[in-house]
N, C-alpha and C. Protein backbone atom coordinates (compact mmCIF):
# COMPACT_ATOMS: atom_id res chain seq x y z
N MET A 1 188.12 -84.99 -91.60
CA MET A 1 188.15 -83.82 -92.61
C MET A 1 186.83 -82.91 -92.09
N TRP A 2 186.95 -81.51 -92.22
CA TRP A 2 185.85 -80.79 -91.91
C TRP A 2 185.04 -80.60 -93.13
N ASP A 3 183.73 -80.75 -93.08
CA ASP A 3 182.77 -80.48 -94.15
C ASP A 3 182.42 -79.13 -94.33
N PHE A 4 182.46 -78.75 -95.59
CA PHE A 4 182.21 -77.26 -95.89
C PHE A 4 180.79 -76.98 -95.55
N ARG A 5 179.85 -77.84 -95.89
CA ARG A 5 178.43 -77.68 -95.80
C ARG A 5 178.08 -77.66 -94.30
N THR A 6 178.71 -78.43 -93.51
CA THR A 6 178.45 -78.55 -92.07
C THR A 6 178.90 -77.13 -91.44
N SER A 7 180.05 -76.55 -91.78
CA SER A 7 180.54 -75.34 -91.43
C SER A 7 179.46 -74.29 -91.82
N LEU A 8 178.94 -74.29 -93.06
CA LEU A 8 178.11 -73.30 -93.56
C LEU A 8 176.76 -73.37 -92.75
N SER A 9 176.31 -74.53 -92.36
CA SER A 9 175.02 -74.56 -91.64
C SER A 9 175.22 -74.11 -90.32
N ILE A 10 176.41 -74.43 -89.65
CA ILE A 10 176.53 -73.93 -88.34
C ILE A 10 176.71 -72.35 -88.30
N PHE A 11 177.36 -71.83 -89.39
CA PHE A 11 177.44 -70.39 -89.48
C PHE A 11 176.21 -69.76 -89.55
N HIS A 12 175.28 -70.25 -90.42
CA HIS A 12 173.92 -69.70 -90.69
C HIS A 12 173.12 -69.85 -89.40
N GLY A 13 173.36 -71.00 -88.66
CA GLY A 13 172.59 -71.12 -87.51
C GLY A 13 173.07 -70.05 -86.48
N THR A 14 174.32 -69.78 -86.29
CA THR A 14 174.93 -68.80 -85.33
C THR A 14 174.35 -67.49 -85.87
N VAL A 15 174.27 -67.02 -87.10
CA VAL A 15 173.94 -65.75 -87.61
C VAL A 15 172.42 -65.68 -87.22
N GLY A 16 171.64 -66.68 -87.51
CA GLY A 16 170.24 -66.63 -87.29
C GLY A 16 169.97 -66.45 -85.86
N THR A 17 170.69 -67.22 -84.88
CA THR A 17 170.43 -66.90 -83.50
C THR A 17 170.77 -65.52 -82.99
N PHE A 18 171.91 -65.01 -83.66
CA PHE A 18 172.44 -63.60 -83.23
C PHE A 18 171.30 -62.57 -83.59
N ARG A 19 170.73 -62.84 -84.94
CA ARG A 19 169.73 -61.94 -85.36
C ARG A 19 168.45 -62.04 -84.53
N PHE A 20 168.04 -63.20 -84.15
CA PHE A 20 166.83 -63.42 -83.31
C PHE A 20 167.04 -62.73 -81.98
N TYR A 21 168.23 -62.87 -81.32
CA TYR A 21 168.36 -62.18 -79.96
C TYR A 21 168.42 -60.77 -80.21
N SER A 22 169.07 -60.24 -81.32
CA SER A 22 169.28 -58.88 -81.64
C SER A 22 167.89 -58.21 -81.75
N VAL A 23 167.11 -58.84 -82.63
CA VAL A 23 165.72 -58.23 -82.64
C VAL A 23 164.97 -58.25 -81.44
N LYS A 24 165.17 -59.19 -80.57
CA LYS A 24 164.39 -59.58 -79.32
C LYS A 24 164.90 -58.38 -78.33
N TYR A 25 166.23 -58.07 -78.27
CA TYR A 25 166.54 -57.24 -77.28
C TYR A 25 166.30 -55.71 -77.77
N CYS A 26 166.22 -55.56 -79.15
CA CYS A 26 165.95 -54.28 -79.63
C CYS A 26 164.49 -53.86 -79.28
N ARG A 27 163.53 -54.88 -79.47
CA ARG A 27 162.19 -54.65 -79.11
C ARG A 27 162.00 -54.33 -77.52
N LEU A 28 163.03 -55.20 -76.78
CA LEU A 28 162.87 -54.98 -75.37
C LEU A 28 163.33 -53.53 -74.90
N PHE A 29 164.43 -53.00 -75.57
CA PHE A 29 164.92 -51.72 -75.20
C PHE A 29 164.28 -50.64 -75.93
N PHE A 30 163.57 -50.83 -77.07
CA PHE A 30 163.07 -49.93 -77.91
C PHE A 30 161.48 -50.37 -78.17
N PRO A 31 160.75 -50.29 -77.28
CA PRO A 31 159.30 -50.89 -77.50
C PRO A 31 158.48 -50.06 -78.55
N SER A 32 159.01 -48.82 -78.90
CA SER A 32 158.21 -47.96 -79.85
C SER A 32 158.29 -48.48 -81.28
N HIS A 33 159.54 -49.19 -81.59
CA HIS A 33 159.84 -49.61 -82.92
C HIS A 33 158.99 -50.89 -83.24
């Protein structure tokens, strides 16, 4: 059976990683910001 808390933690981990790389590439392409 799939645990709800496990899926929630995986979801937050994915969102956190996406935000991290999003900010990283934004700073890479837009150094002025």
